[in-house]
Amino acid sequence: MRALPAYFLALFCLLTLAGCGLGAGRAPKGVRLLVTREFGARVLHDASQPQINGQETVMSLLLRNYSVSTRFGGGFVQSIDGLAGHEGDRPVDWFYYVNGVEASKGAAATNVHPGDHIWWDRHDWSQTGASAAVVGSYPEPFLNGLEGKRLPVRVECSRDAGKACETVAHRLQADGVPAALGGFGSGGGPAILRVLVGTWPALRADRGVAQIERGPRASGVYATFGPDGKTFTTLTADGAGAPMNASGAGLIAATRTGEEAPVWVVTGADAAGVQHAAADFNEAQLRDHFALAVLPDGKTAPLPIASPASLLRLKSTR
């Protein structure tokens, strides 16, 4: 669901900071607090050691470290350090993610746990109600899990994944994440973090990723493959895009259905595209991106595409 600021904080909390998860308990360690705009394209603040005082909520941590203004009696975040989330009739707002997952509760009701990566981003939501899961907090949520609980991780490989599956599994293990290997479609409960690796035609039947074909309004991912994997469309935040020849192209993205654990996909139009995507499955390439398109020549393009001009440059490389 959208992390709309309507859930964020009552005026009482803003005035007193009491009863908002402050003070009591031990301060969580290893927390990162990131503030960006335009789907992570512009980093405004990146605090690897934010000020923390005892047990914090996501909102109290934001209030402690930055200047926050509100509207509608304190129930909505209007601005962070002077950058307004609401601009007239424009569909722009502040959203927050914990370990790469858009929270199902308001920021004042979400506790901060050790190792949490908390990310506030201001962006246009005209094409989607929510990006329920993003990849830019990697190695989260694999390393520390969700709501303070580490979840089992399974890498599921389609038959055409080749060495890409081993590449992804080895990367997770190198980053301190024990990951089991299994065949695609091996099943499991909603509390398992799954990473699907294989060509799009092989993976598209999975319920967790099939919504990508229906565009960002369904999946929150600003790229789509054609059902046969022969076309690949990357989109701007306002939905501008065009289908391209997908040969060698790849995609790293995450989706989420309801309250289930997110599903990650490392895919491509063909075996070459999957290999390209797997090679970029690492923190340096994914950092602060909602999703990542991978080009045949090794270049990468954060999604959504920043502008029509950047989309044209992307198309010209094919």
C-alpha atoms as a PDB file:
ATOM      1  CA  MET A   1       0.000   0.000   0.000  1.00  0.00           C
ATOM      2  CA  ARG A   2       1.037   3.621  -0.419  1.00  0.00           C
ATOM      3  CA  ALA A   3       2.937   4.995   2.556  1.00  0.00           C
ATOM      4  CA  LEU A   4       0.793   8.111   2.437  1.00  0.00           C
ATOM      5  CA  PRO A   5       1.635  10.618   5.122  1.00  0.00           C
ATOM      6  CA  ALA A   6      -1.942  10.456   6.394  1.00  0.00           C
ATOM      7  CA  TYR A   7      -0.780   7.620   8.595  1.00  0.00           C
ATOM      8  CA  PHE A   8       2.362   9.262   9.779  1.00  0.00           C
ATOM      9  CA  LEU A   9       1.818  11.221  12.955  1.00  0.00           C
ATOM     10  CA  ALA A  10      -0.767  12.932  15.082  1.00  0.00           C
ATOM     11  CA  LEU A  11      -0.224  16.525  16.117  1.00  0.00           C
ATOM     12  CA  PHE A  12       0.183  15.394  19.713  1.00  0.00           C
ATOM     13  CA  CYS A  13       3.287  13.453  18.766  1.00  0.00           C
ATOM     14  CA  LEU A  14       4.722  16.401  16.901  1.00  0.00           C
ATOM     15  CA  LEU A  15       4.296  18.663  19.921  1.00  0.00           C
ATOM     16  CA  THR A  16       5.461  16.342  22.660  1.00  0.00           C
ATOM     17  CA  LEU A  17       7.412  13.491  21.038  1.00  0.00           C
ATOM     18  CA  ALA A  18       5.992  11.422  23.894  1.00  0.00           C
ATOM     19  CA  GLY A  19       4.256   8.139  23.244  1.00  0.00           C
ATOM     20  CA  CYS A  20       5.788   8.008  19.756  1.00  0.00           C
ATOM     21  CA  GLY A  21       8.262   5.242  20.421  1.00  0.00           C
ATOM     22  CA  LEU A  22      10.954   7.510  21.861  1.00  0.00           C
ATOM     23  CA  GLY A  23      13.360   6.920  24.694  1.00  0.00           C
ATOM     24  CA  ALA A  24      12.329   3.579  26.142  1.00  0.00           C
ATOM     25  CA  GLY A  25      14.439   0.585  25.224  1.00  0.00           C
ATOM     26  CA  ARG A  26      17.873   0.133  23.746  1.00  0.00           C
ATOM     27  CA  ALA A  27      18.802   2.198  20.690  1.00  0.00           C
ATOM     28  CA  PRO A  28      19.010   0.035  17.561  1.00  0.00           C
ATOM     29  CA  LYS A  29      22.433  -0.160  15.916  1.00  0.00           C
ATOM     30  CA  GLY A  30      23.480  -0.151  12.277  1.00  0.00           C
ATOM     31  CA  VAL A  31      20.554   1.971  11.079  1.00  0.00           C
ATOM     32  CA  ARG A  32      20.776   3.923   7.806  1.00  0.00           C
ATOM     33  CA  LEU A  33      18.465   6.882   7.144  1.00  0.00           C
ATOM     34  CA  LEU A  34      18.206   7.942   3.499  1.00  0.00           C
ATOM     35  CA  VAL A  35      16.197  10.841   2.047  1.00  0.00           C
ATOM     36  CA  THR A  36      15.928  11.144  -1.753  1.00  0.00           C
ATOM     37  CA  ARG A  37      13.694  12.474  -4.494  1.00  0.00           C
ATOM     38  CA  GLU A  38      12.615  11.273  -7.954  1.00  0.00           C
ATOM     39  CA  PHE A  39      12.801   7.558  -7.179  1.00  0.00           C
ATOM     40  CA  GLY A  40      16.265   7.827  -5.643  1.00  0.00           C
ATOM     41  CA  ALA A  41      17.745   9.821  -8.519  1.00  0.00           C
ATOM     42  CA  ARG A  42      18.761  12.693  -6.204  1.00  0.00           C
ATOM     43  CA  VAL A  43      20.139  11.953  -2.746  1.00  0.00           C
ATOM     44  CA  LEU A  44      19.276  14.719  -0.271  1.00  0.00           C
ATOM     45  CA  HIS A  45      20.553  13.128   2.939  1.00  0.00           C
ATOM     46  CA  ASP A  46      22.311   9.842   3.596  1.00  0.00           C
ATOM     47  CA  ALA A  47      23.058   9.174   7.260  1.00  0.00           C
ATOM     48  CA  SER A  48      24.816   5.911   8.059  1.00  0.00           C
ATOM     49  CA  GLN A  49      24.838   6.963  11.722  1.00  0.00           C
ATOM     50  CA  PRO A  50      21.691   9.023  12.332  1.00  0.00           C
ATOM     51  CA  GLN A  51      20.955  10.439  15.765  1.00  0.00           C
ATOM     52  CA  ILE A  52      19.072   7.814  17.757  1.00  0.00           C
ATOM     53  CA  ASN A  53      17.793   7.980  21.318  1.00  0.00           C
ATOM     54  CA  GLY A  54      16.492   4.700  22.637  1.00  0.00           C
ATOM     55  CA  GLN A  55      13.754   2.888  20.808  1.00  0.00           C
ATOM     56  CA  GLU A  56      12.642   4.944  17.822  1.00  0.00           C
ATOM     57  CA  THR A  57       9.808   4.800  15.346  1.00  0.00           C
ATOM     58  CA  VAL A  58      10.378   5.654  11.705  1.00  0.00           C
ATOM     59  CA  MET A  59       8.694   8.998  12.283  1.00  0.00           C
ATOM     60  CA  SER A  60      10.493   9.883  15.510  1.00  0.00           C
ATOM     61  CA  LEU A  61      13.813   9.087  13.828  1.00  0.00           C
ATOM     62  CA  LEU A  62      12.939  11.417  10.946  1.00  0.00           C
ATOM     63  CA  LEU A  63      11.890  14.171  13.355  1.00  0.00           C
ATOM     64  CA  ARG A  64      15.070  13.781  15.377  1.00  0.00           C
ATOM     65  CA  ASN A  65      17.361  14.157  12.370  1.00  0.00           C
ATOM     66  CA  TYR A  66      15.591  16.566   9.991  1.00  0.00           C
ATOM     67  CA  SER A  67      13.126  19.434   9.939  1.00  0.00           C
ATOM     68  CA  VAL A  68       9.647  18.109   9.182  1.00  0.00           C
ATOM     69  CA  SER A  69       6.541  20.197   8.506  1.00  0.00           C
ATOM     70  CA  THR A  70       3.005  18.858   8.331  1.00  0.00           C
ATOM     71  CA  ARG A  71      -0.422  19.724   7.009  1.00  0.00           C
ATOM     72  CA  PHE A  72      -4.026  18.839   7.837  1.00  0.00           C
ATOM     73  CA  GLY A  73      -3.551  19.173  11.564  1.00  0.00           C
ATOM     74  CA  GLY A  74      -0.314  17.259  11.728  1.00  0.00           C
ATOM     75  CA  GLY A  75      -1.504  14.079  10.029  1.00  0.00           C
ATOM     76  CA  PHE A  76       0.452  14.512   6.765  1.00  0.00           C
ATOM     77  CA  VAL A  77       4.123  15.105   6.081  1.00  0.00           C
ATOM     78  CA  GLN A  78       4.247  18.257   4.023  1.00  0.00           C
ATOM     79  CA  SER A  79       8.003  18.711   3.762  1.00  0.00           C
ATOM     80  CA  ILE A  80      11.364  17.360   4.837  1.00  0.00           C
ATOM     81  CA  ASP A  81      14.007  20.043   5.250  1.00  0.00           C
ATOM     82  CA  GLY A  82      11.878  22.453   3.243  1.00  0.00           C
ATOM     83  CA  LEU A  83      11.116  20.153   0.277  1.00  0.00           C
ATOM     84  CA  ALA A  84       7.344  19.929  -0.025  1.00  0.00           C
ATOM     85  CA  GLY A  85       5.724  16.651  -0.851  1.00  0.00           C
ATOM     86  CA  HIS A  86       2.469  18.229  -1.980  1.00  0.00           C
ATOM     87  CA  GLU A  87       2.495  20.618  -4.958  1.00  0.00           C
ATOM     88  CA  GLY A  88      -0.956  21.846  -5.864  1.00  0.00           C
ATOM     89  CA  ASP A  89      -2.703  19.257  -8.000  1.00  0.00           C
ATOM     90  CA  ARG A  90       0.480  17.360  -8.898  1.00  0.00           C
ATOM     91  CA  PRO A  91       0.446  13.699  -7.795  1.00  0.00           C
ATOM     92  CA  VAL A  92       3.630  14.014  -5.716  1.00  0.00           C
ATOM     93  CA  ASP A  93       4.167  12.845  -2.141  1.00  0.00           C
ATOM     94  CA  TRP A  94       6.666  11.504   0.362  1.00  0.00           C
ATOM     95  CA  PHE A  95       6.812   7.709   0.703  1.00  0.00           C
ATOM     96  CA  TYR A  96       8.909   5.562   3.018  1.00  0.00           C
ATOM     97  CA  TYR A  97      10.426   2.095   2.822  1.00  0.00           C
ATOM     98  CA  VAL A  98      12.025  -0.119   5.448  1.00  0.00           C
ATOM     99  CA  ASN A  99      14.564  -2.590   4.098  1.00  0.00           C
ATOM    100  CA  GLY A 100      13.234  -2.091   0.602  1.00  0.00           C
ATOM    101  CA  VAL A 101       9.575  -2.666   1.468  1.00  0.00           C
ATOM    102  CA  GLU A 102       6.859  -0.038   1.577  1.00  0.00           C
ATOM    103  CA  ALA A 103       5.485  -0.372   5.091  1.00  0.00           C
ATOM    104  CA  SER A 104       1.902  -1.418   5.737  1.00  0.00           C
ATOM    105  CA  LYS A 105       1.694   0.775   8.843  1.00  0.00           C
ATOM    106  CA  GLY A 106       2.184   4.468   9.434  1.00  0.00           C
ATOM    107  CA  ALA A 107       5.629   5.788  10.236  1.00  0.00           C
ATOM    108  CA  ALA A 108       4.640   6.614  13.823  1.00  0.00           C
ATOM    109  CA  ALA A 109       3.553   3.000  14.363  1.00  0.00           C
ATOM    110  CA  THR A 110       6.608   1.345  12.783  1.00  0.00           C
ATOM    111  CA  ASN A 111       9.493   0.626  15.128  1.00  0.00           C
ATOM    112  CA  VAL A 112      13.108   0.854  14.010  1.00  0.00           C
ATOM    113  CA  HIS A 113      15.096  -2.388  14.401  1.00  0.00           C
ATOM    114  CA  PRO A 114      18.851  -3.020  14.328  1.00  0.00           C
ATOM    115  CA  GLY A 115      20.273  -2.865  10.829  1.00  0.00           C
ATOM    116  CA  ASP A 116      17.188  -1.265   9.287  1.00  0.00           C
ATOM    117  CA  HIS A 117      17.599   0.752   6.102  1.00  0.00           C
ATOM    118  CA  ILE A 118      14.946   3.480   6.248  1.00  0.00           C
ATOM    119  CA  TRP A 119      14.366   5.307   2.996  1.00  0.00           C
ATOM    120  CA  TRP A 120      12.145   8.337   2.405  1.00  0.00           C
ATOM    121  CA  ASP A 121      11.604   9.307  -1.226  1.00  0.00           C
ATOM    122  CA  ARG A 122       9.534  12.080  -2.784  1.00  0.00           C
ATOM    123  CA  HIS A 123       8.173  11.149  -6.187  1.00  0.00           C
ATOM    124  CA  ASP A 124       5.371  11.313  -8.715  1.00  0.00           C
ATOM    125  CA  TRP A 125       2.799   8.563  -8.201  1.00  0.00           C
ATOM    126  CA  SER A 126       0.624   9.318 -11.240  1.00  0.00           C
ATOM    127  CA  GLN A 127       1.407   5.955 -12.857  1.00  0.00           C
ATOM    128  CA  THR A 128       1.206   3.796  -9.758  1.00  0.00           C
ATOM    129  CA  GLY A 129      -0.439   3.834  -6.370  1.00  0.00           C
ATOM    130  CA  ALA A 130       2.643   2.244  -4.838  1.00  0.00           C
ATOM    131  CA  SER A 131       6.023   0.669  -5.433  1.00  0.00           C
ATOM    132  CA  ALA A 132       5.513  -2.008  -2.810  1.00  0.00           C
ATOM    133  CA  ALA A 133       9.094  -3.302  -2.998  1.00  0.00           C
ATOM    134  CA  VAL A 134      12.318  -1.798  -4.324  1.00  0.00           C
ATOM    135  CA  VAL A 135      15.857  -3.106  -4.840  1.00  0.00           C
ATOM    136  CA  GLY A 136      17.921  -0.082  -3.757  1.00  0.00           C
ATOM    137  CA  SER A 137      18.362  -1.136  -0.127  1.00  0.00           C
ATOM    138  CA  TYR A 138      20.272  -4.313  -1.057  1.00  0.00           C
ATOM    139  CA  PRO A 139      21.456  -6.422   0.787  1.00  0.00           C
ATOM    140  CA  GLU A 140      18.182  -5.724   2.566  1.00  0.00           C
ATOM    141  CA  PRO A 141      15.720  -7.255   3.125  1.00  0.00           C
ATOM    142  CA  PHE A 142      17.794 -10.414   2.848  1.00  0.00           C
ATOM    143  CA  LEU A 143      20.278  -9.545   5.578  1.00  0.00           C
ATOM    144  CA  ASN A 144      18.056  -8.265   8.409  1.00  0.00           C
ATOM    145  CA  GLY A 145      14.597  -9.190   7.182  1.00  0.00           C
ATOM    146  CA  LEU A 146      11.325  -7.433   7.899  1.00  0.00           C
ATOM    147  CA  GLU A 147      10.082  -5.937  11.166  1.00  0.00           C
ATOM    148  CA  GLY A 148      13.156  -7.188  12.973  1.00  0.00           C
ATOM    149  CA  LYS A 149      12.748 -10.787  11.824  1.00  0.00           C
ATOM    150  CA  ARG A 150      15.204 -12.385   9.440  1.00  0.00           C
ATOM    151  CA  LEU A 151      13.468 -14.537   6.831  1.00  0.00           C
ATOM    152  CA  PRO A 152      14.706 -17.603   4.946  1.00  0.00           C
ATOM    153  CA  VAL A 153      15.995 -16.827   1.453  1.00  0.00           C
ATOM    154  CA  ARG A 154      15.649 -19.088  -1.564  1.00  0.00           C
ATOM    155  CA  VAL A 155      17.083 -18.553  -5.039  1.00  0.00           C
ATOM    156  CA  GLU A 156      14.799 -20.248  -7.566  1.00  0.00           C
ATOM    157  CA  CYS A 157      16.355 -21.061 -10.924  1.00  0.00           C
ATOM    158  CA  SER A 158      14.584 -21.717 -14.189  1.00  0.00           C
ATOM    159  CA  ARG A 159      16.130 -24.323 -16.461  1.00  0.00           C
ATOM    160  CA  ASP A 160      17.485 -21.621 -18.768  1.00  0.00           C
ATOM    161  CA  ALA A 161      19.149 -19.606 -15.981  1.00  0.00           C
ATOM    162  CA  GLY A 162      22.574 -21.150 -16.568  1.00  0.00           C
ATOM    163  CA  LYS A 163      25.428 -19.795 -14.465  1.00  0.00           C
ATOM    164  CA  ALA A 164      23.403 -16.680 -13.614  1.00  0.00           C
ATOM    165  CA  CYS A 165      21.739 -18.565 -10.785  1.00  0.00           C
ATOM    166  CA  GLU A 166      25.089 -19.451  -9.213  1.00  0.00           C
ATOM    167  CA  THR A 167      26.209 -15.837  -9.618  1.00  0.00           C
ATOM    168  CA  VAL A 168      23.195 -14.556  -7.664  1.00  0.00           C
ATOM    169  CA  ALA A 169      23.496 -17.206  -4.945  1.00  0.00           C
ATOM    170  CA  HIS A 170      27.217 -16.549  -4.498  1.00  0.00           C
ATOM    171  CA  ARG A 171      26.615 -12.805  -4.249  1.00  0.00           C
ATOM    172  CA  LEU A 172      24.054 -13.289  -1.492  1.00  0.00           C
ATOM    173  CA  GLN A 173      26.361 -15.614   0.403  1.00  0.00           C
ATOM    174  CA  ALA A 174      29.276 -13.181   0.042  1.00  0.00           C
ATOM    175  CA  ASP A 175      27.075 -10.493   1.578  1.00  0.00           C
ATOM    176  CA  GLY A 176      26.329 -12.635   4.605  1.00  0.00           C
ATOM    177  CA  VAL A 177      23.002 -14.061   3.459  1.00  0.00           C
ATOM    178  CA  PRO A 178      22.528 -17.851   3.642  1.00  0.00           C
ATOM    179  CA  ALA A 179      20.516 -18.709   0.556  1.00  0.00           C
ATOM    180  CA  ALA A 180      19.085 -22.053  -0.465  1.00  0.00           C
ATOM    181  CA  LEU A 181      18.940 -23.052  -4.128  1.00  0.00           C
ATOM    182  CA  GLY A 182      15.842 -24.545  -5.691  1.00  0.00           C
ATOM    183  CA  GLY A 183      14.097 -25.057  -8.976  1.00  0.00           C
ATOM    184  CA  PHE A 184      11.709 -22.432 -10.242  1.00  0.00           C
ATOM    185  CA  GLY A 185       8.245 -22.967  -8.851  1.00  0.00           C
ATOM    186  CA  SER A 186       9.421 -25.165  -5.977  1.00  0.00           C
ATOM    187  CA  GLY A 187       6.815 -23.563  -3.755  1.00  0.00           C
ATOM    188  CA  GLY A 188       6.931 -22.170  -0.240  1.00  0.00           C
ATOM    189  CA  GLY A 189       5.095 -19.965   2.183  1.00  0.00           C
ATOM    190  CA  PRO A 190       4.532 -16.196   2.130  1.00  0.00           C
ATOM    191  CA  ALA A 191       7.327 -15.655   4.690  1.00  0.00           C
ATOM    192  CA  ILE A 192      10.140 -16.772   2.354  1.00  0.00           C
ATOM    193  CA  LEU A 193      12.182 -14.205   0.442  1.00  0.00           C
ATOM    194  CA  ARG A 194      12.383 -15.566  -3.093  1.00  0.00           C
ATOM    195  CA  VAL A 195      14.813 -14.496  -5.818  1.00  0.00           C
ATOM    196  CA  LEU A 196      13.725 -15.785  -9.220  1.00  0.00           C
ATOM    197  CA  VAL A 197      16.457 -16.148 -11.827  1.00  0.00           C
ATOM    198  CA  GLY A 198      15.790 -16.986 -15.466  1.00  0.00           C
ATOM    199  CA  THR A 199      14.492 -15.655 -18.760  1.00  0.00           C
ATOM    200  CA  TRP A 200      11.249 -13.706 -18.729  1.00  0.00           C
ATOM    201  CA  PRO A 201       9.303 -16.291 -20.780  1.00  0.00           C
ATOM    202  CA  ALA A 202      10.245 -18.869 -18.136  1.00  0.00           C
ATOM    203  CA  LEU A 203       9.422 -16.727 -15.085  1.00  0.00           C
ATOM    204  CA  ARG A 204       6.337 -14.812 -16.204  1.00  0.00           C
ATOM    205  CA  ALA A 205       3.940 -17.499 -15.001  1.00  0.00           C
ATOM    206  CA  ASP A 206       4.846 -16.818 -11.383  1.00  0.00           C
ATOM    207  CA  ARG A 207       2.102 -14.939  -9.578  1.00  0.00           C
ATOM    208  CA  GLY A 208       4.617 -12.758  -7.776  1.00  0.00           C
ATOM    209  CA  VAL A 209       6.155 -11.286 -10.932  1.00  0.00           C
ATOM    210  CA  ALA A 210       3.446 -11.664 -13.604  1.00  0.00           C
ATOM    211  CA  GLN A 211       2.090  -8.255 -12.671  1.00  0.00           C
ATOM    212  CA  ILE A 212       5.228  -6.642 -14.166  1.00  0.00           C
ATOM    213  CA  GLU A 213       3.743  -7.251 -17.622  1.00  0.00           C
ATOM    214  CA  ARG A 214       0.786  -5.060 -16.674  1.00  0.00           C
ATOM    215  CA  GLY A 215       2.977  -2.035 -16.025  1.00  0.00           C
ATOM    216  CA  PRO A 216       3.760   0.123 -12.997  1.00  0.00           C
ATOM    217  CA  ARG A 217       0.154   0.612 -11.975  1.00  0.00           C
ATOM    218  CA  ALA A 218       0.010  -3.108 -11.179  1.00  0.00           C
ATOM    219  CA  SER A 219       3.593  -3.816 -10.119  1.00  0.00           C
ATOM    220  CA  GLY A 220       5.287  -0.527  -9.234  1.00  0.00           C
ATOM    221  CA  VAL A 221       8.040  -1.460 -11.730  1.00  0.00           C
ATOM    222  CA  TYR A 222       8.646   1.028 -14.560  1.00  0.00           C
ATOM    223  CA  ALA A 223       9.547  -1.549 -17.188  1.00  0.00           C
ATOM    224  CA  THR A 224       7.715  -4.368 -18.916  1.00  0.00           C
ATOM    225  CA  PHE A 225       8.654  -7.357 -21.042  1.00  0.00           C
ATOM    226  CA  GLY A 226       6.393  -8.588 -23.787  1.00  0.00           C
ATOM    227  CA  PRO A 227       5.009 -12.065 -23.044  1.00  0.00           C
ATOM    228  CA  ASP A 228       7.480 -13.676 -25.456  1.00  0.00           C
ATOM    229  CA  GLY A 229      10.413 -11.664 -24.091  1.00  0.00           C
ATOM    230  CA  LYS A 230      11.187 -10.129 -27.475  1.00  0.00           C
ATOM    231  CA  THR A 231      10.234  -6.587 -26.490  1.00  0.00           C
ATOM    232  CA  PHE A 232      11.330  -4.564 -23.485  1.00  0.00           C
ATOM    233  CA  THR A 233       9.755  -1.251 -22.544  1.00  0.00           C
ATOM    234  CA  THR A 234      11.303   1.175 -20.074  1.00  0.00           C
ATOM    235  CA  LEU A 235       9.149   4.013 -18.742  1.00  0.00           C
ATOM    236  CA  THR A 236       9.525   7.507 -17.357  1.00  0.00           C
ATOM    237  CA  ALA A 237       7.749   8.516 -14.148  1.00  0.00           C
ATOM    238  CA  ASP A 238       4.858   9.935 -16.198  1.00  0.00           C
ATOM    239  CA  GLY A 239       4.527   6.749 -18.235  1.00  0.00           C
ATOM    240  CA  ALA A 240       6.327   7.726 -21.451  1.00  0.00           C
ATOM    241  CA  GLY A 241       8.033   4.815 -23.141  1.00  0.00           C
ATOM    242  CA  ALA A 242       8.334   2.684 -26.235  1.00  0.00           C
ATOM    243  CA  PRO A 243       8.941  -1.029 -26.886  1.00  0.00           C
ATOM    244  CA  MET A 244      12.467  -1.961 -27.930  1.00  0.00           C
ATOM    245  CA  ASN A 245      14.230  -5.021 -29.217  1.00  0.00           C
ATOM    246  CA  ALA A 246      14.975  -6.891 -26.001  1.00  0.00           C
ATOM    247  CA  SER A 247      17.852  -9.103 -27.163  1.00  0.00           C
ATOM    248  CA  GLY A 248      20.451  -9.169 -24.385  1.00  0.00           C
ATOM    249  CA  ALA A 249      18.473  -6.872 -22.077  1.00  0.00           C
ATOM    250  CA  GLY A 250      17.961  -7.637 -18.395  1.00  0.00           C
ATOM    251  CA  LEU A 251      15.974  -6.451 -15.400  1.00  0.00           C
ATOM    252  CA  ILE A 252      16.427  -6.536 -11.634  1.00  0.00           C
ATOM    253  CA  ALA A 253      13.231  -5.646  -9.782  1.00  0.00           C
ATOM    254  CA  ALA A 254      11.093  -6.527  -6.780  1.00  0.00           C
ATOM    255  CA  THR A 255       7.344  -6.868  -6.343  1.00  0.00           C
ATOM    256  CA  ARG A 256       5.051  -7.652  -3.461  1.00  0.00           C
ATOM    257  CA  THR A 257       1.560  -9.097  -3.180  1.00  0.00           C
ATOM    258  CA  GLY A 258      -0.421  -7.999  -0.140  1.00  0.00           C
ATOM    259  CA  GLU A 259       1.422  -8.667   3.107  1.00  0.00           C
ATOM    260  CA  GLU A 260       3.536 -11.486   1.666  1.00  0.00           C
ATOM    261  CA  ALA A 261       7.311 -11.256   1.571  1.00  0.00           C
ATOM    262  CA  PRO A 262       8.590  -9.464  -1.534  1.00  0.00           C
ATOM    263  CA  VAL A 263       9.687 -11.435  -4.582  1.00  0.00           C
ATOM    264  CA  TRP A 264      12.814 -10.362  -6.457  1.00  0.00           C
ATOM    265  CA  VAL A 265      13.420 -11.141 -10.114  1.00  0.00           C
ATOM    266  CA  VAL A 266      16.744 -11.288 -11.960  1.00  0.00           C
ATOM    267  CA  THR A 267      15.665 -11.801 -15.530  1.00  0.00           C
ATOM    268  CA  GLY A 268      16.254 -11.051 -19.170  1.00  0.00           C
ATOM    269  CA  ALA A 269      14.809 -11.502 -22.605  1.00  0.00           C
ATOM    270  CA  ASP A 270      17.203 -14.365 -23.255  1.00  0.00           C
ATOM    271  CA  ALA A 271      20.099 -16.192 -21.607  1.00  0.00           C
ATOM    272  CA  ALA A 272      22.470 -13.304 -22.348  1.00  0.00           C
ATOM    273  CA  GLY A 273      20.123 -10.837 -20.702  1.00  0.00           C
ATOM    274  CA  VAL A 274      19.869 -12.986 -17.585  1.00  0.00           C
ATOM    275  CA  GLN A 275      23.662 -13.173 -17.370  1.00  0.00           C
ATOM    276  CA  HIS A 276      23.941  -9.396 -17.699  1.00  0.00           C
ATOM    277  CA  ALA A 277      21.391  -8.887 -14.938  1.00  0.00           C
ATOM    278  CA  ALA A 278      23.065 -11.398 -12.631  1.00  0.00           C
ATOM    279  CA  ALA A 279      26.420  -9.652 -13.092  1.00  0.00           C
ATOM    280  CA  ASP A 280      24.845  -6.438 -11.751  1.00  0.00           C
ATOM    281  CA  PHE A 281      23.196  -8.087  -8.770  1.00  0.00           C
ATOM    282  CA  ASN A 282      25.293  -6.291  -6.169  1.00  0.00           C
ATOM    283  CA  GLU A 283      25.087  -3.378  -3.778  1.00  0.00           C
ATOM    284  CA  ALA A 284      27.101  -0.963  -5.902  1.00  0.00           C
ATOM    285  CA  GLN A 285      24.816  -1.314  -8.918  1.00  0.00           C
ATOM    286  CA  LEU A 286      21.506  -1.447  -7.048  1.00  0.00           C
ATOM    287  CA  ARG A 287      22.125   1.226  -4.422  1.00  0.00           C
ATOM    288  CA  ASP A 288      19.293   3.786  -4.155  1.00  0.00           C
ATOM    289  CA  HIS A 289      17.456   2.502  -7.249  1.00  0.00           C
ATOM    290  CA  PHE A 290      13.844   1.377  -7.299  1.00  0.00           C
ATOM    291  CA  ALA A 291      14.653  -1.116 -10.072  1.00  0.00           C
ATOM    292  CA  LEU A 292      17.416  -1.532 -12.642  1.00  0.00           C
ATOM    293  CA  ALA A 293      17.349  -2.095 -16.396  1.00  0.00           C
ATOM    294  CA  VAL A 294      20.495  -3.739 -17.757  1.00  0.00           C
ATOM    295  CA  LEU A 295      21.603  -3.143 -21.328  1.00  0.00           C
ATOM    296  CA  PRO A 296      23.364  -5.564 -23.704  1.00  0.00           C
ATOM    297  CA  ASP A 297      26.530  -3.442 -23.724  1.00  0.00           C
ATOM    298  CA  GLY A 298      26.834  -3.569 -19.945  1.00  0.00           C
ATOM    299  CA  LYS A 299      25.329  -0.146 -19.239  1.00  0.00           C
ATOM    300  CA  THR A 300      22.594   0.153 -16.641  1.00  0.00           C
ATOM    301  CA  ALA A 301      19.592   2.452 -16.396  1.00  0.00           C
ATOM    302  CA  PRO A 302      17.807   3.112 -13.080  1.00  0.00           C
ATOM    303  CA  LEU A 303      14.044   2.884 -13.309  1.00  0.00           C
ATOM    304  CA  PRO A 304      11.971   4.848 -13.945  1.00  0.00           C
ATOM    305  CA  ILE A 305      13.929   6.531 -16.707  1.00  0.00           C
ATOM    306  CA  ALA A 306      14.634  10.095 -15.627  1.00  0.00           C
ATOM    307  CA  SER A 307      13.453  11.891 -18.771  1.00  0.00           C
ATOM    308  CA  PRO A 308      12.422  11.348 -22.390  1.00  0.00           C
ATOM    309  CA  ALA A 309      15.944  12.378 -23.406  1.00  0.00           C
ATOM    310  CA  SER A 310      17.490   9.652 -21.282  1.00  0.00           C
ATOM    311  CA  LEU A 311      15.016   7.174 -22.752  1.00  0.00           C
ATOM    312  CA  LEU A 312      16.199   8.099 -26.237  1.00  0.00           C
ATOM    313  CA  ARG A 313      19.819   7.569 -25.227  1.00  0.00           C
ATOM    314  CA  LEU A 314      18.867   4.178 -23.826  1.00  0.00           C
ATOM    315  CA  LYS A 315      17.190   3.168 -27.082  1.00  0.00           C
ATOM    316  CA  SER A 316      20.118   4.337 -29.180  1.00  0.00           C
ATOM    317  CA  THR A 317      22.453   1.774 -27.593  1.00  0.00           C
ATOM    318  CA  ARG A 318      20.542  -1.153 -29.045  1.00  0.00           C
END
